[in-house]
PDB file of N, CA and C in Angstrom:
ATOM      1  N   MET A   1       2.435  21.673 -46.016  1.00  0.00           N
ATOM      2  CA  MET A   1       1.076  21.298 -45.660  1.00  0.00           C
ATOM      3  C   MET A   1       0.851  22.040 -44.392  1.00  0.00           C
ATOM      4  N   ALA A   2      -0.381  22.701 -44.245  1.00  0.00           N
ATOM      5  CA  ALA A   2      -0.741  23.538 -43.062  1.00  0.00           C
ATOM      6  C   ALA A   2      -0.982  22.654 -41.875  1.00  0.00           C
ATOM      7  N   ILE A   3      -0.506  23.097 -40.731  1.00  0.00           N
ATOM      8  CA  ILE A   3      -0.940  22.490 -39.369  1.00  0.00           C
ATOM      9  C   ILE A   3      -1.674  23.285 -38.722  1.00  0.00           C
ATOM     10  N   MET A   4      -2.985  22.831 -38.352  1.00  0.00           N
ATOM     11  CA  MET A   4      -3.881  23.576 -37.653  1.00  0.00           C
ATOM     12  C   MET A   4      -4.151  22.807 -36.406  1.00  0.00           C
ATOM     13  N   LYS A   5      -4.202  23.731 -35.389  1.00  0.00           N
ATOM     14  CA  LYS A   5      -4.663  23.068 -34.040  1.00  0.00           C
ATOM     15  C   LYS A   5      -5.353  24.233 -33.081  1.00  0.00           C
ATOM     16  N   PRO A   6      -6.225  23.870 -32.443  1.00  0.00           N
ATOM     17  CA  PRO A   6      -7.079  24.690 -31.647  1.00  0.00           C
ATOM     18  C   PRO A   6      -6.147  25.398 -30.605  1.00  0.00           C
ATOM     19  N   GLU A   7      -6.207  26.505 -30.337  1.00  0.00           N
ATOM     20  CA  GLU A   7      -5.478  27.176 -29.150  1.00  0.00           C
ATOM     21  C   GLU A   7      -6.410  28.044 -28.337  1.00  0.00           C
ATOM     22  N   LEU A   8      -6.244  27.940 -27.078  1.00  0.00           N
ATOM     23  CA  LEU A   8      -7.001  28.957 -26.247  1.00  0.00           C
ATOM     24  C   LEU A   8      -5.941  29.898 -25.557  1.00  0.00           C
ATOM     25  N   SER A   9      -6.325  31.179 -25.668  1.00  0.00           N
ATOM     26  CA  SER A   9      -5.633  32.229 -24.983  1.00  0.00           C
ATOM     27  C   SER A   9      -6.504  32.622 -23.743  1.00  0.00           C
ATOM     28  N   ILE A  10      -6.074  32.613 -22.488  1.00  0.00           N
ATOM     29  CA  ILE A  10      -6.966  32.710 -21.425  1.00  0.00           C
ATOM     30  C   ILE A  10      -6.361  33.830 -20.449  1.00  0.00           C
ATOM     31  N   VAL A  11      -7.197  34.773 -20.145  1.00  0.00           N
ATOM     32  CA  VAL A  11      -6.785  35.998 -19.113  1.00  0.00           C
ATOM     33  C   VAL A  11      -7.753  35.784 -18.023  1.00  0.00           C
ATOM     34  N   LEU A  12      -7.203  35.439 -16.837  1.00  0.00           N
ATOM     35  CA  LEU A  12      -7.959  35.223 -15.562  1.00  0.00           C
ATOM     36  C   LEU A  12      -8.031  36.435 -14.727  1.00  0.00           C
ATOM     37  N   ASP A  13      -8.931  36.568 -14.006  1.00  0.00           N
ATOM     38  CA  ASP A  13      -9.181  37.521 -12.804  1.00  0.00           C
ATOM     39  C   ASP A  13      -8.976  36.677 -11.594  1.00  0.00           C
ATOM     40  N   PRO A  14      -7.708  37.025 -10.997  1.00  0.00           N
ATOM     41  CA  PRO A  14      -7.364  36.219  -9.837  1.00  0.00           C
ATOM     42  C   PRO A  14      -8.132  36.600  -8.449  1.00  0.00           C
ATOM     43  N   LEU A  15      -8.931  37.519  -8.590  1.00  0.00           N
ATOM     44  CA  LEU A  15      -9.782  37.919  -7.446  1.00  0.00           C
ATOM     45  C   LEU A  15     -11.054  37.104  -7.476  1.00  0.00           C
ATOM     46  N   GLN A  16     -11.452  36.393  -8.669  1.00  0.00           N
ATOM     47  CA  GLN A  16     -12.494  35.532  -8.744  1.00  0.00           C
ATOM     48  C   GLN A  16     -12.082  34.120  -9.146  1.00  0.00           C
ATOM     49  N   PRO A  17     -11.312  33.411  -8.426  1.00  0.00           N
ATOM     50  CA  PRO A  17     -10.540  32.189  -8.745  1.00  0.00           C
ATOM     51  C   PRO A  17     -11.714  31.021  -9.197  1.00  0.00           C
ATOM     52  N   VAL A  18     -12.696  30.827  -8.416  1.00  0.00           N
ATOM     53  CA  VAL A  18     -13.405  29.750  -8.650  1.00  0.00           C
ATOM     54  C   VAL A  18     -14.421  29.850 -10.004  1.00  0.00           C
ATOM     55  N   PRO A  19     -15.099  31.002 -10.386  1.00  0.00           N
ATOM     56  CA  PRO A  19     -15.718  31.197 -11.562  1.00  0.00           C
ATOM     57  C   PRO A  19     -14.749  31.051 -12.743  1.00  0.00           C
ATOM     58  N   GLU A  20     -13.527  31.618 -12.510  1.00  0.00           N
ATOM     59  CA  GLU A  20     -12.511  31.738 -13.556  1.00  0.00           C
ATOM     60  C   GLU A  20     -12.129  30.374 -13.906  1.00  0.00           C
ATOM     61  N   ILE A  21     -11.777  29.676 -12.951  1.00  0.00           N
ATOM     62  CA  ILE A  21     -11.181  28.169 -13.158  1.00  0.00           C
ATOM     63  C   ILE A  21     -12.404  27.389 -13.731  1.00  0.00           C
ATOM     64  N   CYS A  22     -13.681  27.440 -13.324  1.00  0.00           N
ATOM     65  CA  CYS A  22     -14.767  26.823 -13.966  1.00  0.00           C
ATOM     66  C   CYS A  22     -15.010  27.081 -15.468  1.00  0.00           C
ATOM     67  N   ALA A  23     -14.842  28.558 -15.653  1.00  0.00           N
ATOM     68  CA  ALA A  23     -14.892  28.877 -17.077  1.00  0.00           C
ATOM     69  C   ALA A  23     -13.912  28.217 -17.891  1.00  0.00           C
ATOM     70  N   VAL A  24     -12.740  28.005 -17.406  1.00  0.00           N
ATOM     71  CA  VAL A  24     -11.521  27.457 -18.161  1.00  0.00           C
ATOM     72  C   VAL A  24     -11.704  26.125 -18.478  1.00  0.00           C
ATOM     73  N   MET A  25     -12.241  25.482 -17.426  1.00  0.00           N
ATOM     74  CA  MET A  25     -12.711  23.903 -17.524  1.00  0.00           C
ATOM     75  C   MET A  25     -13.687  23.775 -18.663  1.00  0.00           C
ATOM     76  N   MET A  26     -14.726  24.634 -18.763  1.00  0.00           N
ATOM     77  CA  MET A  26     -15.745  24.421 -19.622  1.00  0.00           C
ATOM     78  C   MET A  26     -15.276  24.934 -21.052  1.00  0.00           C
ATOM     79  N   ALA A  27     -14.279  25.731 -21.238  1.00  0.00           N
ATOM     80  CA  ALA A  27     -13.764  26.097 -22.511  1.00  0.00           C
ATOM     81  C   ALA A  27     -12.906  24.903 -23.063  1.00  0.00           C
ATOM     82  N   VAL A  28     -12.169  24.217 -22.232  1.00  0.00           N
ATOM     83  CA  VAL A  28     -11.446  23.186 -22.648  1.00  0.00           C
ATOM     84  C   VAL A  28     -12.248  21.963 -22.946  1.00  0.00           C
ATOM     85  N   ILE A  29     -13.276  21.613 -22.264  1.00  0.00           N
ATOM     86  CA  ILE A  29     -14.275  20.691 -22.511  1.00  0.00           C
ATOM     87  C   ILE A  29     -14.905  20.894 -23.782  1.00  0.00           C
ATOM     88  N   ALA A  30     -15.230  22.136 -24.281  1.00  0.00           N
ATOM     89  CA  ALA A  30     -15.852  22.439 -25.387  1.00  0.00           C
ATOM     90  C   ALA A  30     -15.162  21.786 -26.607  1.00  0.00           C
ATOM     91  N   TYR A  31     -13.753  21.696 -26.461  1.00  0.00           N
ATOM     92  CA  TYR A  31     -12.815  21.139 -27.505  1.00  0.00           C
ATOM     93  C   TYR A  31     -12.860  19.520 -27.558  1.00  0.00           C
ATOM     94  N   GLN A  32     -13.214  19.000 -26.368  1.00  0.00           N
ATOM     95  CA  GLN A  32     -13.240  17.561 -26.377  1.00  0.00           C
ATOM     96  C   GLN A  32     -14.416  16.991 -25.539  1.00  0.00           C
ATOM     97  N   PRO A  33     -15.737  17.351 -26.163  1.00  0.00           N
ATOM     98  CA  PRO A  33     -16.918  17.032 -25.414  1.00  0.00           C
ATOM     99  C   PRO A  33     -17.011  15.594 -25.092  1.00  0.00           C
ATOM    100  N   GLU A  34     -16.534  14.693 -26.050  1.00  0.00           N
ATOM    101  CA  GLU A  34     -16.560  13.259 -25.772  1.00  0.00           C
ATOM    102  C   GLU A  34     -15.704  12.748 -24.535  1.00  0.00           C
ATOM    103  N   GLN A  35     -14.712  13.607 -24.203  1.00  0.00           N
ATOM    104  CA  GLN A  35     -13.922  13.314 -23.036  1.00  0.00           C
ATOM    105  C   GLN A  35     -14.295  14.089 -21.733  1.00  0.00           C
ATOM    106  N   GLU A  36     -15.392  14.604 -21.717  1.00  0.00           N
ATOM    107  CA  GLU A  36     -15.846  15.392 -20.515  1.00  0.00           C
ATOM    108  C   GLU A  36     -15.886  14.718 -19.165  1.00  0.00           C
ATOM    109  N   GLU A  37     -16.254  13.523 -19.011  1.00  0.00           N
ATOM    110  CA  GLU A  37     -16.140  12.693 -17.789  1.00  0.00           C
ATOM    111  C   GLU A  37     -14.854  12.422 -17.572  1.00  0.00           C
ATOM    112  N   ALA A  38     -14.040  12.023 -18.378  1.00  0.00           N
ATOM    113  CA  ALA A  38     -12.698  11.759 -18.117  1.00  0.00           C
ATOM    114  C   ALA A  38     -11.790  13.091 -17.695  1.00  0.00           C
ATOM    115  N   ILE A  39     -12.160  14.193 -18.303  1.00  0.00           N
ATOM    116  CA  ILE A  39     -11.567  15.464 -17.849  1.00  0.00           C
ATOM    117  C   ILE A  39     -12.086  15.727 -16.557  1.00  0.00           C
ATOM    118  N   LEU A  40     -13.323  15.656 -16.232  1.00  0.00           N
ATOM    119  CA  LEU A  40     -13.739  16.095 -14.861  1.00  0.00           C
ATOM    120  C   LEU A  40     -13.170  15.203 -13.793  1.00  0.00           C
ATOM    121  N   LEU A  41     -13.190  13.800 -14.088  1.00  0.00           N
ATOM    122  CA  LEU A  41     -12.650  12.857 -13.042  1.00  0.00           C
ATOM    123  C   LEU A  41     -11.181  13.268 -12.849  1.00  0.00           C
ATOM    124  N   GLY A  42     -10.366  13.495 -13.957  1.00  0.00           N
ATOM    125  CA  GLY A  42      -8.928  14.067 -13.688  1.00  0.00           C
ATOM    126  C   GLY A  42      -8.821  15.361 -12.767  1.00  0.00           C
ATOM    127  N   ILE A  43      -9.599  16.089 -13.072  1.00  0.00           N
ATOM    128  CA  ILE A  43      -9.552  17.313 -12.310  1.00  0.00           C
ATOM    129  C   ILE A  43      -9.933  17.110 -10.856  1.00  0.00           C
ATOM    130  N   GLY A  44     -11.012  16.306 -10.574  1.00  0.00           N
ATOM    131  CA  GLY A  44     -11.421  15.847  -9.366  1.00  0.00           C
ATOM    132  C   GLY A  44     -10.240  15.213  -8.446  1.00  0.00           C
ATOM    133  N   LYS A  45      -9.464  14.199  -9.237  1.00  0.00           N
ATOM    134  CA  LYS A  45      -8.525  13.601  -8.683  1.00  0.00           C
ATOM    135  C   LYS A  45      -7.276  14.704  -8.292  1.00  0.00           C
ATOM    136  N   ALA A  46      -7.010  15.534  -9.193  1.00  0.00           N
ATOM    137  CA  ALA A  46      -6.051  16.509  -8.856  1.00  0.00           C
ATOM    138  C   ALA A  46      -6.439  17.318  -7.611  1.00  0.00           C
ATOM    139  N   ILE A  47      -7.616  17.702  -7.506  1.00  0.00           N
ATOM    140  CA  ILE A  47      -8.028  18.479  -6.388  1.00  0.00           C
ATOM    141  C   ILE A  47      -8.007  17.753  -5.124  1.00  0.00           C
ATOM    142  N   GLU A  48      -8.431  16.533  -5.115  1.00  0.00           N
ATOM    143  CA  GLU A  48      -8.343  15.635  -3.939  1.00  0.00           C
ATOM    144  C   GLU A  48      -6.937  15.412  -3.541  1.00  0.00           C
ATOM    145  N   ASP A  49      -6.096  15.123  -4.506  1.00  0.00           N
ATOM    146  CA  ASP A  49      -4.563  14.984  -4.146  1.00  0.00           C
ATOM    147  C   ASP A  49      -4.027  16.256  -3.482  1.00  0.00           C
ATOM    148  N   ARG A  50      -4.427  17.508  -4.109  1.00  0.00           N
ATOM    149  CA  ARG A  50      -3.877  18.699  -3.404  1.00  0.00           C
ATOM    150  C   ARG A  50      -4.650  18.890  -2.059  1.00  0.00           C
ATOM    151  N   ARG A  51      -5.709  18.593  -1.892  1.00  0.00           N
ATOM    152  CA  ARG A  51      -6.329  18.850  -0.537  1.00  0.00           C
ATOM    153  C   ARG A  51      -5.638  17.910   0.461  1.00  0.00           C
ATOM    154  N   ALA A  52      -5.226  16.583  -0.109  1.00  0.00           N
ATOM    155  CA  ALA A  52      -4.588  15.718   0.923  1.00  0.00           C
ATOM    156  C   ALA A  52      -3.242  16.292   1.326  1.00  0.00           C
ATOM    157  N   GLU A  53      -2.549  16.784   0.298  1.00  0.00           N
ATOM    158  CA  GLU A  53      -1.272  17.561   0.627  1.00  0.00           C
ATOM    159  C   GLU A  53      -1.303  18.616   1.609  1.00  0.00           C
ATOM    160  N   LEU A  54      -2.385  19.300   1.489  1.00  0.00           N
ATOM    161  CA  LEU A  54      -2.706  20.591   2.337  1.00  0.00           C
ATOM    162  C   LEU A  54      -2.884  19.984   3.783  1.00  0.00           C
ATOM    163  N   ALA A  55      -3.867  18.971   3.891  1.00  0.00           N
ATOM    164  CA  ALA A  55      -4.188  18.500   5.204  1.00  0.00           C
ATOM    165  C   ALA A  55      -2.851  17.970   5.853  1.00  0.00           C
ATOM    166  N   LYS A  56      -2.008  17.290   5.171  1.00  0.00           N
ATOM    167  CA  LYS A  56      -0.818  16.687   5.571  1.00  0.00           C
ATOM    168  C   LYS A  56       0.091  17.772   6.133  1.00  0.00           C
ATOM    169  N   ALA A  57       0.223  18.903   5.281  1.00  0.00           N
ATOM    170  CA  ALA A  57       1.013  19.925   5.712  1.00  0.00           C
ATOM    171  C   ALA A  57       0.539  20.589   6.987  1.00  0.00           C
ATOM    172  N   ARG A  58      -0.707  20.798   7.105  1.00  0.00           N
ATOM    173  CA  ARG A  58      -1.340  21.463   8.221  1.00  0.00           C
ATOM    174  C   ARG A  58      -1.042  20.439   9.480  1.00  0.00           C
ATOM    175  N   LYS A  59      -1.226  19.191   9.253  1.00  0.00           N
ATOM    176  CA  LYS A  59      -1.030  18.344  10.395  1.00  0.00           C
ATOM    177  C   LYS A  59       0.469  18.163  10.856  1.00  0.00           C
ATOM    178  N   GLY A  60       1.380  18.397   9.829  1.00  0.00           N
ATOM    179  CA  GLY A  60       2.816  18.415  10.248  1.00  0.00           C
ATOM    180  C   GLY A  60       3.279  19.676  10.773  1.00  0.00           C
ATOM    181  N   ALA A  61       2.461  20.826  10.609  1.00  0.00           N
ATOM    182  CA  ALA A  61       2.789  22.075  11.229  1.00  0.00           C
ATOM    183  C   ALA A  61       2.395  22.059  12.698  1.00  0.00           C
ATOM    184  N   GLU A  62       1.319  21.276  13.073  1.00  0.00           N
ATOM    185  CA  GLU A  62       1.028  21.250  14.375  1.00  0.00           C
ATOM    186  C   GLU A  62       2.005  20.662  15.296  1.00  0.00           C
ATOM    187  N   PRO A  63       2.339  21.106  16.539  1.00  0.00           N
ATOM    188  CA  PRO A  63       3.248  20.448  17.429  1.00  0.00           C
ATOM    189  C   PRO A  63       2.819  19.166  17.852  1.00  0.00           C
ATOM    190  N   ASP A  64       3.567  18.126  18.108  1.00  0.00           N
ATOM    191  CA  ASP A  64       3.220  16.854  18.575  1.00  0.00           C
ATOM    192  C   ASP A  64       3.100  16.982  20.100  1.00  0.00           C
ATOM    193  N   ALA A  65       2.011  16.656  20.504  1.00  0.00           N
ATOM    194  CA  ALA A  65       1.754  16.774  22.131  1.00  0.00           C
ATOM    195  C   ALA A  65       2.636  16.006  22.999  1.00  0.00           C
ATOM    196  N   ASN A  66       3.171  14.865  22.275  1.00  0.00           N
ATOM    197  CA  ASN A  66       4.114  14.005  23.028  1.00  0.00           C
ATOM    198  C   ASN A  66       5.432  14.311  22.993  1.00  0.00           C
ATOM    199  N   GLN A  67       5.803  15.410  22.104  1.00  0.00           N
ATOM    200  CA  GLN A  67       7.239  15.689  22.077  1.00  0.00           C
ATOM    201  C   GLN A  67       7.633  16.917  22.954  1.00  0.00           C
ATOM    202  N   PRO A  68       8.737  16.711  23.519  1.00  0.00           N
ATOM    203  CA  PRO A  68       9.169  17.895  24.386  1.00  0.00           C
ATOM    204  C   PRO A  68       9.598  19.168  23.650  1.00  0.00           C
ATOM    205  N   ILE A  69       9.218  20.270  24.254  1.00  0.00           N
ATOM    206  CA  ILE A  69       9.526  21.528  23.608  1.00  0.00           C
ATOM    207  C   ILE A  69      11.043  21.831  23.780  1.00  0.00           C
ATOM    208  N   ARG A  70      11.733  22.236  22.748  1.00  0.00           N
ATOM    209  CA  ARG A  70      13.036  22.561  22.836  1.00  0.00           C
ATOM    210  C   ARG A  70      13.287  24.019  23.145  1.00  0.00           C
ATOM    211  N   ARG A  71      13.993  24.355  24.218  1.00  0.00           N
ATOM    212  CA  ARG A  71      14.208  25.791  24.510  1.00  0.00           C
ATOM    213  C   ARG A  71      15.376  26.199  23.887  1.00  0.00           C
ATOM    214  N   SER A  72      15.615  27.605  23.780  1.00  0.00           N
ATOM    215  CA  SER A  72      16.921  28.214  23.077  1.00  0.00           C
ATOM    216  C   SER A  72      17.948  27.848  23.857  1.00  0.00           C
ATOM    217  N   ASP A  73      18.094  27.467  25.023  1.00  0.00           N
ATOM    218  CA  ASP A  73      19.313  27.296  25.882  1.00  0.00           C
ATOM    219  C   ASP A  73      19.683  25.574  25.842  1.00  0.00           C
ATOM    220  N   GLY A  74      18.976  25.010  24.776  1.00  0.00           N
ATOM    221  CA  GLY A  74      19.350  23.543  24.633  1.00  0.00           C
ATOM    222  C   GLY A  74      18.789  22.581  25.388  1.00  0.00           C
ATOM    223  N   GLN A  75      18.103  23.059  26.542  1.00  0.00           N
ATOM    224  CA  GLN A  75      17.309  21.990  27.398  1.00  0.00           C
ATOM    225  C   GLN A  75      15.975  21.940  26.980  1.00  0.00           C
ATOM    226  N   SER A  76      15.446  20.715  27.256  1.00  0.00           N
ATOM    227  CA  SER A  76      13.999  20.487  26.782  1.00  0.00           C
ATOM    228  C   SER A  76      13.179  20.761  27.918  1.00  0.00           C
ATOM    229  N   LYS A  77      11.907  21.064  27.619  1.00  0.00           N
ATOM    230  CA  LYS A  77      10.814  21.235  28.721  1.00  0.00           C
ATOM    231  C   LYS A  77       9.543  20.619  28.364  1.00  0.00           C
ATOM    232  N   ASP A  78       9.139  19.666  29.141  1.00  0.00           N
ATOM    233  CA  ASP A  78       7.909  18.792  28.669  1.00  0.00           C
ATOM    234  C   ASP A  78       6.606  19.715  28.935  1.00  0.00           C
ATOM    235  N   LYS A  79       5.667  19.535  27.820  1.00  0.00           N
ATOM    236  CA  LYS A  79       4.417  20.369  27.924  1.00  0.00           C
ATOM    237  C   LYS A  79       3.629  20.033  29.228  1.00  0.00           C
TER     238      LYS A  79
END
């Protein structure tokens, strides 16, 4: 018995990430039009989760104003 499944082959231009990603989303949605809202909600959640991770990483990279700065000689120096 033949097994048939739709398959997408995608080549992206990394110099234009936003329009390329949007084009991929629309191509995938074309195969599941009844699931468009669920797909978009899932993508939106993934985007928000990633943005939260980036914000947390940025916050963690900033020095805490209440923490003393450690010098290379092992002594601490308050800000």
